[in-house]
Amino acid sequence: GFNYRMTDILAALGLSQLNRLDDFLAKRHEIATVYDLALGELPIICPWQNPMVHSSYHLYPILVKATDRMVYRQRRVYESLRARGIAVNVHYIPVHRHPYYEAMGFKVGDFPVAERFHKEVISLPIYASLTKDDQDNVINTLRVALTT
């Protein structure tokens, strides 16, 4: 077994962060709104949010759709952003592609929608301390990466 108990220090830190939760969520919503407005005209798909739900915006995943001439477009955009110091990421590897499930017999092609999503998604930076200048840099760098 594993010991997954939280330390007292981490518990105290977590409790202190709960007092700021509403501020953190409000800031993430502001950042998401700026992304929605600034990225709407780009050849990507931004995350849709049901207006009846209040998202935490844990991630801000965009889909960089592959084109006939650019099958590896997501990888090119991802590498371009990373090369310019922007901490984008790819979330998450489809479950059936993890070694445990591959050992059970799952293989590439078993879940094509999940696999396609993984080949098109890039998570943009979204955290409460993201500054307006940093977000503008993300947006401008993404614009350049998508058009070159």
C-alpha atoms as a PDB file:
ATOM      1  CA  GLY A   1       0.000   0.000   0.000  1.00  0.00           C
ATOM      2  CA  PHE A   2       0.846   3.644  -0.184  1.00  0.00           C
ATOM      3  CA  ASN A   3       0.717   6.369   2.439  1.00  0.00           C
ATOM      4  CA  TYR A   4      -1.411   9.104   0.881  1.00  0.00           C
ATOM      5  CA  ARG A   5      -2.035  11.048   4.081  1.00  0.00           C
ATOM      6  CA  MET A   6      -1.631  14.783   3.850  1.00  0.00           C
ATOM      7  CA  THR A   7       0.835  16.513   6.171  1.00  0.00           C
ATOM      8  CA  ASP A   8      -0.385  19.065   8.714  1.00  0.00           C
ATOM      9  CA  ILE A   9       1.494  21.808   6.882  1.00  0.00           C
ATOM     10  CA  LEU A  10      -0.188  20.980   3.563  1.00  0.00           C
ATOM     11  CA  ALA A  11      -3.580  20.883   5.313  1.00  0.00           C
ATOM     12  CA  ALA A  12      -2.974  24.327   6.813  1.00  0.00           C
ATOM     13  CA  LEU A  13      -1.887  25.667   3.432  1.00  0.00           C
ATOM     14  CA  GLY A  14      -5.008  24.192   1.820  1.00  0.00           C
ATOM     15  CA  LEU A  15      -7.276  25.774   4.424  1.00  0.00           C
ATOM     16  CA  SER A  16      -5.653  29.167   3.958  1.00  0.00           C
ATOM     17  CA  GLN A  17      -6.127  28.873   0.178  1.00  0.00           C
ATOM     18  CA  LEU A  18      -9.841  28.116   0.618  1.00  0.00           C
ATOM     19  CA  ASN A  19     -10.303  31.631   1.994  1.00  0.00           C
ATOM     20  CA  ARG A  20      -9.107  32.967  -1.383  1.00  0.00           C
ATOM     21  CA  LEU A  21     -11.005  30.494  -3.576  1.00  0.00           C
ATOM     22  CA  ASP A  22     -13.598  32.982  -4.821  1.00  0.00           C
ATOM     23  CA  ASP A  23     -10.831  35.405  -5.839  1.00  0.00           C
ATOM     24  CA  PHE A  24      -8.912  32.632  -7.648  1.00  0.00           C
ATOM     25  CA  LEU A  25     -12.034  31.551  -9.537  1.00  0.00           C
ATOM     26  CA  ALA A  26     -12.956  35.118 -10.469  1.00  0.00           C
ATOM     27  CA  LYS A  27      -9.471  35.703 -11.856  1.00  0.00           C
ATOM     28  CA  ARG A  28      -9.577  32.476 -13.889  1.00  0.00           C
ATOM     29  CA  HIS A  29     -12.947  33.553 -15.323  1.00  0.00           C
ATOM     30  CA  GLU A  30     -11.466  36.931 -16.307  1.00  0.00           C
ATOM     31  CA  ILE A  31      -8.564  35.191 -18.040  1.00  0.00           C
ATOM     32  CA  ALA A  32     -10.903  32.755 -19.823  1.00  0.00           C
ATOM     33  CA  THR A  33     -13.091  35.638 -21.022  1.00  0.00           C
ATOM     34  CA  VAL A  34     -10.063  37.449 -22.461  1.00  0.00           C
ATOM     35  CA  TYR A  35      -8.985  34.254 -24.238  1.00  0.00           C
ATOM     36  CA  ASP A  36     -12.523  33.697 -25.567  1.00  0.00           C
ATOM     37  CA  LEU A  37     -12.706  37.207 -27.020  1.00  0.00           C
ATOM     38  CA  ALA A  38      -9.144  37.389 -28.348  1.00  0.00           C
ATOM     39  CA  LEU A  39      -8.975  33.919 -29.863  1.00  0.00           C
ATOM     40  CA  GLY A  40     -12.439  33.725 -31.380  1.00  0.00           C
ATOM     41  CA  GLU A  41     -11.314  34.630 -34.909  1.00  0.00           C
ATOM     42  CA  LEU A  42      -8.347  32.235 -34.979  1.00  0.00           C
ATOM     43  CA  PRO A  43      -8.495  28.807 -36.673  1.00  0.00           C
ATOM     44  CA  ILE A  44      -8.893  26.964 -33.369  1.00  0.00           C
ATOM     45  CA  ILE A  45     -11.756  25.769 -31.208  1.00  0.00           C
ATOM     46  CA  CYS A  46     -11.971  27.348 -27.766  1.00  0.00           C
ATOM     47  CA  PRO A  47     -13.618  25.523 -24.882  1.00  0.00           C
ATOM     48  CA  TRP A  48     -17.381  25.867 -24.730  1.00  0.00           C
ATOM     49  CA  GLN A  49     -18.872  26.554 -21.328  1.00  0.00           C
ATOM     50  CA  ASN A  50     -22.469  25.770 -20.497  1.00  0.00           C
ATOM     51  CA  PRO A  51     -23.936  29.033 -19.131  1.00  0.00           C
ATOM     52  CA  MET A  52     -25.772  27.032 -16.460  1.00  0.00           C
ATOM     53  CA  VAL A  53     -22.456  25.792 -15.015  1.00  0.00           C
ATOM     54  CA  HIS A  54     -19.794  27.737 -13.136  1.00  0.00           C
ATOM     55  CA  SER A  55     -16.487  26.280 -14.303  1.00  0.00           C
ATOM     56  CA  SER A  56     -13.296  26.465 -12.275  1.00  0.00           C
ATOM     57  CA  TYR A  57     -11.338  26.722 -15.542  1.00  0.00           C
ATOM     58  CA  HIS A  58      -8.798  24.256 -14.218  1.00  0.00           C
ATOM     59  CA  LEU A  59      -7.503  24.159 -17.807  1.00  0.00           C
ATOM     60  CA  TYR A  60      -8.088  26.240 -20.923  1.00  0.00           C
ATOM     61  CA  PRO A  61      -7.765  23.658 -23.712  1.00  0.00           C
ATOM     62  CA  ILE A  62      -7.884  24.799 -27.325  1.00  0.00           C
ATOM     63  CA  LEU A  63      -8.172  22.496 -30.315  1.00  0.00           C
ATOM     64  CA  VAL A  64      -5.715  23.113 -33.131  1.00  0.00           C
ATOM     65  CA  LYS A  65      -7.459  21.280 -35.922  1.00  0.00           C
ATOM     66  CA  ALA A  66      -5.271  19.384 -38.368  1.00  0.00           C
ATOM     67  CA  THR A  67      -5.565  20.340 -42.011  1.00  0.00           C
ATOM     68  CA  ASP A  68      -4.918  18.216 -45.092  1.00  0.00           C
ATOM     69  CA  ARG A  69      -1.527  19.818 -45.602  1.00  0.00           C
ATOM     70  CA  MET A  70      -0.604  20.097 -41.908  1.00  0.00           C
ATOM     71  CA  VAL A  71      -1.295  16.824 -40.146  1.00  0.00           C
ATOM     72  CA  TYR A  72       1.102  17.674 -37.320  1.00  0.00           C
ATOM     73  CA  ARG A  73      -0.163  21.223 -36.839  1.00  0.00           C
ATOM     74  CA  GLN A  74      -0.752  20.862 -33.087  1.00  0.00           C
ATOM     75  CA  ARG A  75       2.821  19.670 -32.526  1.00  0.00           C
ATOM     76  CA  ARG A  76       4.224  22.580 -34.575  1.00  0.00           C
ATOM     77  CA  VAL A  77       2.135  25.174 -32.697  1.00  0.00           C
ATOM     78  CA  TYR A  78       2.966  23.546 -29.342  1.00  0.00           C
ATOM     79  CA  GLU A  79       6.709  23.570 -30.053  1.00  0.00           C
ATOM     80  CA  SER A  80       6.562  27.148 -31.321  1.00  0.00           C
ATOM     81  CA  LEU A  81       4.894  28.345 -28.109  1.00  0.00           C
ATOM     82  CA  ARG A  82       7.276  26.354 -25.878  1.00  0.00           C
ATOM     83  CA  ALA A  83      10.289  27.724 -27.784  1.00  0.00           C
ATOM     84  CA  ARG A  84       9.090  31.231 -26.907  1.00  0.00           C
ATOM     85  CA  GLY A  85       8.868  30.398 -23.195  1.00  0.00           C
ATOM     86  CA  ILE A  86       5.115  29.855 -23.000  1.00  0.00           C
ATOM     87  CA  ALA A  87       4.241  26.966 -20.699  1.00  0.00           C
ATOM     88  CA  VAL A  88       1.594  25.233 -22.775  1.00  0.00           C
ATOM     89  CA  ASN A  89       0.858  21.564 -22.230  1.00  0.00           C
ATOM     90  CA  VAL A  90      -1.063  18.645 -23.692  1.00  0.00           C
ATOM     91  CA  HIS A  91      -3.708  17.146 -21.407  1.00  0.00           C
ATOM     92  CA  TYR A  92      -4.390  14.201 -21.200  1.00  0.00           C
ATOM     93  CA  ILE A  93      -3.142  10.993 -22.803  1.00  0.00           C
ATOM     94  CA  PRO A  94      -6.173   8.840 -23.657  1.00  0.00           C
ATOM     95  CA  VAL A  95      -6.644   6.255 -20.911  1.00  0.00           C
ATOM     96  CA  HIS A  96      -6.419   3.278 -23.258  1.00  0.00           C
ATOM     97  CA  ARG A  97      -2.947   4.453 -24.352  1.00  0.00           C
ATOM     98  CA  HIS A  98      -1.434   4.073 -20.875  1.00  0.00           C
ATOM     99  CA  PRO A  99       0.828   1.015 -20.488  1.00  0.00           C
ATOM    100  CA  TYR A 100      -1.508  -0.687 -18.004  1.00  0.00           C
ATOM    101  CA  TYR A 101      -4.379  -0.688 -20.496  1.00  0.00           C
ATOM    102  CA  GLU A 102      -2.169  -1.459 -23.486  1.00  0.00           C
ATOM    103  CA  ALA A 103      -1.032  -4.566 -21.576  1.00  0.00           C
ATOM    104  CA  MET A 104      -4.718  -5.506 -21.356  1.00  0.00           C
ATOM    105  CA  GLY A 105      -4.941  -5.417 -25.149  1.00  0.00           C
ATOM    106  CA  PHE A 106      -6.150  -1.889 -25.897  1.00  0.00           C
ATOM    107  CA  LYS A 107      -4.451  -0.374 -28.934  1.00  0.00           C
ATOM    108  CA  VAL A 108      -4.270   2.655 -31.200  1.00  0.00           C
ATOM    109  CA  GLY A 109      -7.535   3.019 -33.074  1.00  0.00           C
ATOM    110  CA  ASP A 110      -9.798   1.601 -30.353  1.00  0.00           C
ATOM    111  CA  PHE A 111     -11.090   5.065 -29.410  1.00  0.00           C
ATOM    112  CA  PRO A 112     -10.496   7.354 -32.412  1.00  0.00           C
ATOM    113  CA  VAL A 113     -12.302  10.404 -31.016  1.00  0.00           C
ATOM    114  CA  ALA A 114     -10.146  10.434 -27.866  1.00  0.00           C
ATOM    115  CA  GLU A 115      -7.030   9.899 -29.970  1.00  0.00           C
ATOM    116  CA  ARG A 116      -7.933  12.725 -32.355  1.00  0.00           C
ATOM    117  CA  PHE A 117      -8.645  15.059 -29.421  1.00  0.00           C
ATOM    118  CA  HIS A 118      -5.217  14.261 -27.961  1.00  0.00           C
ATOM    119  CA  LYS A 119      -3.586  15.089 -31.311  1.00  0.00           C
ATOM    120  CA  GLU A 120      -5.335  18.471 -31.497  1.00  0.00           C
ATOM    121  CA  VAL A 121      -5.472  19.810 -27.921  1.00  0.00           C
ATOM    122  CA  ILE A 122      -3.131  22.347 -26.341  1.00  0.00           C
ATOM    123  CA  SER A 123      -3.754  23.749 -22.861  1.00  0.00           C
ATOM    124  CA  LEU A 124      -2.973  27.455 -22.613  1.00  0.00           C
ATOM    125  CA  PRO A 125      -1.682  28.965 -19.365  1.00  0.00           C
ATOM    126  CA  ILE A 126      -4.476  29.853 -16.962  1.00  0.00           C
ATOM    127  CA  TYR A 127      -3.734  30.554 -13.316  1.00  0.00           C
ATOM    128  CA  ALA A 128      -4.753  33.281 -10.900  1.00  0.00           C
ATOM    129  CA  SER A 129      -1.421  35.120 -10.994  1.00  0.00           C
ATOM    130  CA  LEU A 130      -1.219  35.256 -14.815  1.00  0.00           C
ATOM    131  CA  THR A 131      -0.641  38.918 -15.649  1.00  0.00           C
ATOM    132  CA  LYS A 132      -2.353  40.811 -18.464  1.00  0.00           C
ATOM    133  CA  ASP A 133       1.020  41.283 -20.186  1.00  0.00           C
ATOM    134  CA  ASP A 134       1.772  37.557 -19.959  1.00  0.00           C
ATOM    135  CA  GLN A 135      -1.657  36.695 -21.340  1.00  0.00           C
ATOM    136  CA  ASP A 136      -1.231  39.181 -24.179  1.00  0.00           C
ATOM    137  CA  ASN A 137       2.100  37.512 -24.956  1.00  0.00           C
ATOM    138  CA  VAL A 138       0.398  34.093 -25.063  1.00  0.00           C
ATOM    139  CA  ILE A 139      -2.296  35.407 -27.405  1.00  0.00           C
ATOM    140  CA  ASN A 140       0.108  37.214 -29.737  1.00  0.00           C
ATOM    141  CA  THR A 141       2.543  34.305 -29.862  1.00  0.00           C
ATOM    142  CA  LEU A 142      -0.315  31.904 -30.586  1.00  0.00           C
ATOM    143  CA  ARG A 143      -1.512  34.131 -33.436  1.00  0.00           C
ATOM    144  CA  VAL A 144       1.951  34.078 -34.989  1.00  0.00           C
ATOM    145  CA  ALA A 145       2.339  30.322 -34.478  1.00  0.00           C
ATOM    146  CA  LEU A 146      -0.977  29.640 -36.198  1.00  0.00           C
ATOM    147  CA  THR A 147      -0.221  31.802 -39.206  1.00  0.00           C
ATOM    148  CA  THR A 148       3.354  30.766 -39.958  1.00  0.00           C
END
